Amino acid sequence: MNQASQIDEETQQKFHELQVLENNIQNLLIQKQTSSMEFGEASNALDEVRKSKNTIYKMIGSIMVVVDKESTIKELEEKKKILELRAESVSKQEKTFETKAHNLQQEIKKLLETKSPTENKK
């Protein structure tokens, strides 16, 4: 009976770890989606700035100011690079968490399978 309680506690702990991993994966997916949207916005802005022959304006707080076209292009290119790196990092973390979650699911499955025959013998 003590062994069954220990398995229950162990299984519960594994379920908890799995829930934490799944929450982390969900948070990463949200980050990935946000980064993707920001990347799209930065790409569109960069295209528009490059095409523009007029004065370039930028919002700073609640006011618009005139900005240098070349420095704005550099700033947007840098932002795109940072967002690409962030997306790569998030994807790596996502893969790592998914692998851990899969392994944990297999462990839980084994624990439940080994527990089930023991209970049937009683």
N, C-alpha and C. Protein backbone atom coordinates (compact mmCIF):
# COMPACT_ATOMS: atom_id res chain seq x y z
N MET A 1 0.82 -1.19 0.00
CA MET A 1 0.00 0.00 0.00
C MET A 1 0.87 1.26 0.00
N ASN A 2 1.96 1.21 0.75
CA ASN A 2 2.89 2.33 0.77
C ASN A 2 3.49 2.55 -0.61
N GLN A 3 3.77 1.45 -1.32
CA GLN A 3 4.33 1.54 -2.66
C GLN A 3 3.33 2.21 -3.61
N ALA A 4 2.06 1.89 -3.50
CA ALA A 4 1.03 2.49 -4.34
C ALA A 4 0.94 4.00 -4.07
N SER A 5 1.04 4.40 -2.79
CA SER A 5 1.00 5.82 -2.45
C SER A 5 2.20 6.54 -3.04
N GLN A 6 3.35 5.88 -2.99
CA GLN A 6 4.56 6.48 -3.54
C GLN A 6 4.42 6.65 -5.05
N ILE A 7 3.87 5.66 -5.72
CA ILE A 7 3.66 5.77 -7.16
C ILE A 7 2.68 6.90 -7.46
N ASP A 8 1.62 6.99 -6.65
CA ASP A 8 0.66 8.07 -6.84
C ASP A 8 1.33 9.44 -6.72
N GLU A 9 2.16 9.59 -5.70
CA GLU A 9 2.85 10.86 -5.50
C GLU A 9 3.80 11.14 -6.67
N GLU A 10 4.51 10.11 -7.08
CA GLU A 10 5.44 10.26 -8.20
C GLU A 10 4.69 10.63 -9.48
N THR A 11 3.58 9.94 -9.72
CA THR A 11 2.77 10.21 -10.91
C THR A 11 2.19 11.62 -10.85
N GLN A 12 1.73 12.01 -9.68
CA GLN A 12 1.20 13.36 -9.53
C GLN A 12 2.27 14.41 -9.81
N GLN A 13 3.47 14.14 -9.32
CA GLN A 13 4.58 15.07 -9.55
C GLN A 13 4.88 15.17 -11.05
N LYS A 14 4.86 14.05 -11.74
CA LYS A 14 5.11 14.04 -13.19
C LYS A 14 4.01 14.79 -13.93
N PHE A 15 2.75 14.60 -13.50
CA PHE A 15 1.65 15.34 -14.11
C PHE A 15 1.84 16.84 -13.92
N HIS A 16 2.26 17.22 -12.72
CA HIS A 16 2.49 18.64 -12.43
C HIS A 16 3.60 19.18 -13.34
N GLU A 17 4.70 18.44 -13.46
CA GLU A 17 5.80 18.86 -14.33
C GLU A 17 5.32 19.00 -15.77
N LEU A 18 4.48 18.06 -16.20
CA LEU A 18 3.95 18.11 -17.56
C LEU A 18 3.08 19.36 -17.76
N GLN A 19 2.25 19.68 -16.77
CA GLN A 19 1.42 20.88 -16.87
C GLN A 19 2.27 22.15 -16.96
N VAL A 20 3.34 22.20 -16.18
CA VAL A 20 4.24 23.36 -16.22
C VAL A 20 4.88 23.47 -17.60
N LEU A 21 5.33 22.34 -18.14
CA LEU A 21 5.93 22.35 -19.48
C LEU A 21 4.92 22.80 -20.53
N GLU A 22 3.70 22.31 -20.43
CA GLU A 22 2.67 22.69 -21.40
C GLU A 22 2.35 24.18 -21.29
N ASN A 23 2.34 24.72 -20.09
CA ASN A 23 2.14 26.17 -19.90
C ASN A 23 3.30 26.96 -20.53
N ASN A 24 4.52 26.45 -20.32
CA ASN A 24 5.69 27.11 -20.91
C ASN A 24 5.62 27.09 -22.43
N ILE A 25 5.19 25.95 -22.99
CA ILE A 25 5.06 25.84 -24.44
C ILE A 25 4.01 26.84 -24.94
N GLN A 26 2.90 26.94 -24.23
CA GLN A 26 1.84 27.89 -24.61
C GLN A 26 2.37 29.32 -24.58
N ASN A 27 3.14 29.66 -23.54
CA ASN A 27 3.72 31.01 -23.45
C ASN A 27 4.69 31.27 -24.60
N LEU A 28 5.47 30.25 -24.97
CA LEU A 28 6.40 30.40 -26.08
C LEU A 28 5.65 30.61 -27.39
N LEU A 29 4.53 29.92 -27.57
CA LEU A 29 3.74 30.10 -28.78
C LEU A 29 3.20 31.53 -28.87
N ILE A 30 2.80 32.07 -27.74
CA ILE A 30 2.33 33.46 -27.71
C ILE A 30 3.47 34.41 -28.07
N GLN A 31 4.66 34.17 -27.49
CA GLN A 31 5.83 34.99 -27.80
C GLN A 31 6.17 34.89 -29.28
N LYS A 32 6.08 33.68 -29.82
CA LYS A 32 6.39 33.45 -31.23
C LYS A 32 5.43 34.23 -32.12
N GLN A 33 4.15 34.19 -31.78
CA GLN A 33 3.14 34.89 -32.55
C GLN A 33 3.36 36.41 -32.46
N THR A 34 3.65 36.90 -31.28
CA THR A 34 3.90 38.33 -31.09
C THR A 34 5.12 38.78 -31.88
N SER A 35 6.19 37.99 -31.81
CA SER A 35 7.40 38.31 -32.57
C SER A 35 7.14 38.31 -34.06
N SER A 36 6.35 37.36 -34.50
CA SER A 36 6.01 37.27 -35.92
C SER A 36 5.25 38.52 -36.38
N MET A 37 4.31 38.96 -35.57
CA MET A 37 3.55 40.17 -35.91
C MET A 37 4.47 41.39 -35.93
N GLU A 38 5.35 41.50 -34.93
CA GLU A 38 6.28 42.62 -34.87
C GLU A 38 7.22 42.60 -36.07
N PHE A 39 7.67 41.40 -36.45
CA PHE A 39 8.55 41.27 -37.60
C PHE A 39 7.85 41.75 -38.87
N GLY A 40 6.60 41.35 -39.03
CA GLY A 40 5.82 41.78 -40.19
C GLY A 40 5.66 43.29 -40.23
N GLU A 41 5.37 43.88 -39.07
CA GLU A 41 5.23 45.33 -38.99
C GLU A 41 6.54 46.04 -39.33
N ALA A 42 7.65 45.52 -38.80
CA ALA A 42 8.96 46.12 -39.07
C ALA A 42 9.31 45.99 -40.56
N SER A 43 8.99 44.84 -41.15
CA SER A 43 9.26 44.63 -42.58
C SER A 43 8.45 45.60 -43.43
N ASN A 44 7.17 45.74 -43.10
CA ASN A 44 6.31 46.67 -43.84
C ASN A 44 6.80 48.11 -43.70
N ALA A 45 7.15 48.49 -42.48
CA ALA A 45 7.64 49.84 -42.24
C ALA A 45 8.94 50.08 -43.02
N LEU A 46 9.82 49.09 -43.01
CA LEU A 46 11.08 49.22 -43.74
C LEU A 46 10.83 49.39 -45.23
N ASP A 47 9.93 48.61 -45.78
CA ASP A 47 9.60 48.74 -47.20
C ASP A 47 9.06 50.14 -47.51
N GLU A 48 8.16 50.62 -46.66
CA GLU A 48 7.56 51.94 -46.88
C GLU A 48 8.60 53.06 -46.77
N VAL A 49 9.49 52.94 -45.80
CA VAL A 49 10.53 53.96 -45.63
C VAL A 49 11.45 53.96 -46.84
N ARG A 50 11.82 52.79 -47.32
CA ARG A 50 12.70 52.70 -48.49
C ARG A 50 12.04 53.29 -49.74
N LYS A 51 10.73 53.07 -49.89
CA LYS A 51 10.01 53.58 -51.07
C LYS A 51 9.75 55.08 -50.99
N SER A 52 9.69 55.61 -49.78
CA SER A 52 9.30 57.00 -49.59
C SER A 52 10.35 57.97 -50.13
N LYS A 53 9.83 58.97 -50.81
CA LYS A 53 10.70 60.05 -51.28
C LYS A 53 10.43 61.32 -50.46
N ASN A 54 9.48 61.22 -49.57
CA ASN A 54 9.08 62.36 -48.73
C ASN A 54 9.81 62.32 -47.39
N THR A 55 9.49 63.26 -46.56
CA THR A 55 10.02 63.34 -45.20
C THR A 55 9.49 62.15 -44.39
N ILE A 56 10.35 61.58 -43.54
CA ILE A 56 9.97 60.44 -42.70
C ILE A 56 9.66 60.97 -41.29
N TYR A 57 8.52 60.52 -40.77
CA TYR A 57 8.10 60.91 -39.43
C TYR A 57 8.06 59.66 -38.55
N LYS A 58 8.29 59.89 -37.27
CA LYS A 58 8.26 58.79 -36.30
C LYS A 58 7.51 59.26 -35.06
N MET A 59 6.69 58.34 -34.51
CA MET A 59 5.97 58.65 -33.27
C MET A 59 6.92 58.45 -32.08
N ILE A 60 7.03 59.45 -31.27
CA ILE A 60 7.78 59.36 -30.02
C ILE A 60 6.83 59.82 -28.93
N GLY A 61 6.34 58.85 -28.19
CA GLY A 61 5.31 59.16 -27.20
C GLY A 61 4.05 59.56 -27.93
N SER A 62 3.58 60.75 -27.67
CA SER A 62 2.34 61.21 -28.30
C SER A 62 2.60 62.28 -29.38
N ILE A 63 3.88 62.45 -29.76
CA ILE A 63 4.19 63.45 -30.80
C ILE A 63 4.89 62.79 -31.98
N MET A 64 4.79 63.42 -33.13
CA MET A 64 5.48 62.95 -34.33
C MET A 64 6.66 63.89 -34.59
N VAL A 65 7.80 63.28 -34.90
CA VAL A 65 8.99 64.07 -35.18
C VAL A 65 9.57 63.63 -36.52
N VAL A 66 10.28 64.55 -37.17
CA VAL A 66 10.97 64.24 -38.42
C VAL A 66 12.23 63.45 -38.06
N VAL A 67 12.48 62.37 -38.82
CA VAL A 67 13.68 61.55 -38.57
C VAL A 67 14.44 61.36 -39.87
N ASP A 68 15.70 61.05 -39.73
CA ASP A 68 16.57 60.78 -40.88
C ASP A 68 16.20 59.43 -41.50
N LYS A 69 16.07 59.42 -42.81
CA LYS A 69 15.65 58.21 -43.52
C LYS A 69 16.66 57.08 -43.32
N GLU A 70 17.95 57.36 -43.50
CA GLU A 70 18.97 56.31 -43.40
C GLU A 70 19.06 55.71 -41.99
N SER A 71 18.98 56.57 -40.97
CA SER A 71 19.06 56.05 -39.60
C SER A 71 17.80 55.24 -39.28
N THR A 72 16.67 55.62 -39.86
CA THR A 72 15.44 54.87 -39.66
C THR A 72 15.54 53.50 -40.33
N ILE A 73 16.11 53.47 -41.51
CA ILE A 73 16.32 52.18 -42.22
C ILE A 73 17.22 51.28 -41.39
N LYS A 74 18.32 51.82 -40.89
CA LYS A 74 19.24 51.03 -40.06
C LYS A 74 18.53 50.52 -38.80
N GLU A 75 17.75 51.38 -38.19
CA GLU A 75 17.03 51.01 -36.96
C GLU A 75 16.04 49.87 -37.24
N LEU A 76 15.31 49.96 -38.33
CA LEU A 76 14.34 48.92 -38.68
C LEU A 76 15.02 47.61 -39.07
N GLU A 77 16.15 47.70 -39.77
CA GLU A 77 16.90 46.49 -40.12
C GLU A 77 17.41 45.80 -38.85
N GLU A 78 17.90 46.60 -37.91
CA GLU A 78 18.38 46.05 -36.64
C GLU A 78 17.23 45.40 -35.87
N LYS A 79 16.08 46.06 -35.87
CA LYS A 79 14.91 45.49 -35.19
C LYS A 79 14.53 44.15 -35.80
N LYS A 80 14.57 44.06 -37.14
CA LYS A 80 14.26 42.80 -37.82
C LYS A 80 15.25 41.70 -37.42
N LYS A 81 16.54 42.05 -37.34
CA LYS A 81 17.56 41.06 -36.94
C LYS A 81 17.30 40.56 -35.52
N ILE A 82 16.99 41.48 -34.64
CA ILE A 82 16.72 41.11 -33.24
C ILE A 82 15.50 40.19 -33.17
N LEU A 83 14.46 40.54 -33.91
CA LEU A 83 13.24 39.71 -33.92
C LEU A 83 13.50 38.33 -34.52
N GLU A 84 14.36 38.25 -35.53
CA GLU A 84 14.73 36.95 -36.10
C GLU A 84 15.46 36.10 -35.07
N LEU A 85 16.40 36.72 -34.35
CA LEU A 85 17.14 36.00 -33.31
C LEU A 85 16.20 35.53 -32.21
N ARG A 86 15.27 36.38 -31.83
CA ARG A 86 14.29 36.02 -30.80
C ARG A 86 13.44 34.84 -31.27
N ALA A 87 13.02 34.87 -32.53
CA ALA A 87 12.21 33.78 -33.08
C ALA A 87 12.99 32.47 -33.08
N GLU A 88 14.27 32.52 -33.45
CA GLU A 88 15.11 31.32 -33.42
C GLU A 88 15.24 30.78 -32.00
N SER A 89 15.48 31.68 -31.06
CA SER A 89 15.63 31.28 -29.66
C SER A 89 14.34 30.64 -29.13
N VAL A 90 13.21 31.26 -29.43
CA VAL A 90 11.92 30.74 -28.98
C VAL A 90 11.66 29.37 -29.61
N SER A 91 12.01 29.22 -30.88
CA SER A 91 11.81 27.92 -31.55
C SER A 91 12.66 26.83 -30.91
N LYS A 92 13.89 27.16 -30.56
CA LYS A 92 14.77 26.19 -29.89
C LYS A 92 14.18 25.80 -28.53
N GLN A 93 13.73 26.80 -27.78
CA GLN A 93 13.14 26.52 -26.47
C GLN A 93 11.88 25.67 -26.63
N GLU A 94 11.09 25.99 -27.64
CA GLU A 94 9.85 25.25 -27.88
C GLU A 94 10.16 23.78 -28.18
N LYS A 95 11.15 23.53 -29.02
CA LYS A 95 11.54 22.16 -29.34
C LYS A 95 12.03 21.42 -28.10
N THR A 96 12.83 22.11 -27.30
CA THR A 96 13.35 21.51 -26.06
C THR A 96 12.20 21.15 -25.12
N PHE A 97 11.28 22.07 -24.93
CA PHE A 97 10.14 21.82 -24.04
C PHE A 97 9.24 20.72 -24.59
N GLU A 98 9.03 20.70 -25.91
CA GLU A 98 8.19 19.66 -26.51
C GLU A 98 8.82 18.28 -26.33
N THR A 99 10.14 18.20 -26.47
CA THR A 99 10.85 16.93 -26.27
C THR A 99 10.72 16.49 -24.81
N LYS A 100 10.92 17.42 -23.89
CA LYS A 100 10.79 17.10 -22.47
C LYS A 100 9.37 16.66 -22.15
N ALA A 101 8.39 17.35 -22.72
CA ALA A 101 6.99 17.00 -22.48
C ALA A 101 6.68 15.61 -23.02
N HIS A 102 7.18 15.31 -24.21
CA HIS A 102 6.97 13.98 -24.80
C HIS A 102 7.58 12.90 -23.92
N ASN A 103 8.81 13.13 -23.47
CA ASN A 103 9.47 12.15 -22.60
C ASN A 103 8.71 11.98 -21.28
N LEU A 104 8.22 13.07 -20.75
CA LEU A 104 7.45 13.02 -19.51
C LEU A 104 6.14 12.27 -19.71
N GLN A 105 5.50 12.48 -20.84
CA GLN A 105 4.27 11.74 -21.15
C GLN A 105 4.55 10.24 -21.19
N GLN A 106 5.68 9.86 -21.77
CA GLN A 106 6.05 8.45 -21.83
C GLN A 106 6.30 7.89 -20.43
N GLU A 107 6.98 8.68 -19.60
CA GLU A 107 7.23 8.25 -18.21
C GLU A 107 5.91 8.05 -17.46
N ILE A 108 5.00 9.00 -17.62
CA ILE A 108 3.70 8.90 -16.95
C ILE A 108 2.95 7.67 -17.44
N LYS A 109 2.99 7.45 -18.72
CA LYS A 109 2.32 6.27 -19.30
C LYS A 109 2.88 4.99 -18.70
N LYS A 110 4.20 4.91 -18.58
CA LYS A 110 4.82 3.72 -17.99
C LYS A 110 4.43 3.56 -16.52
N LEU A 111 4.43 4.69 -15.80
CA LEU A 111 4.04 4.64 -14.39
C LEU A 111 2.61 4.14 -14.23
N LEU A 112 1.73 4.64 -15.07
CA LEU A 112 0.32 4.23 -14.99
C LEU A 112 0.15 2.77 -15.41
N GLU A 113 0.91 2.33 -16.40
CA GLU A 113 0.83 0.93 -16.84
C GLU A 113 1.35 -0.02 -15.77
N THR A 114 2.44 0.36 -15.10
CA THR A 114 3.00 -0.50 -14.06
C THR A 114 2.13 -0.49 -12.81
N LYS A 115 1.44 0.61 -12.57
CA LYS A 115 0.57 0.71 -11.40
C LYS A 115 -0.70 -0.12 -11.61
N SER A 116 -1.23 -0.10 -12.80
CA SER A 116 -2.48 -0.78 -13.10
C SER A 116 -2.45 -2.28 -12.82
N PRO A 117 -1.46 -3.06 -13.27
CA PRO A 117 -1.44 -4.50 -12.96
C PRO A 117 -1.31 -4.79 -11.47
N THR A 118 -0.61 -3.96 -10.72
CA THR A 118 -0.45 -4.14 -9.28
C THR A 118 -1.82 -4.07 -8.58
N GLU A 119 -2.61 -3.10 -8.99
CA GLU A 119 -3.93 -2.93 -8.38
C GLU A 119 -4.84 -4.09 -8.74
N ASN A 120 -4.70 -4.64 -9.93
CA ASN A 120 -5.55 -5.75 -10.36
C ASN A 120 -5.25 -7.03 -9.58
N LYS A 121 -4.01 -7.19 -9.10
CA LYS A 121 -3.62 -8.39 -8.35
C LYS A 121 -4.17 -8.39 -6.94
N LYS A 122 -4.49 -7.23 -6.40
CA LYS A 122 -4.95 -7.12 -5.00
C LYS A 122 -6.29 -7.69 -4.82
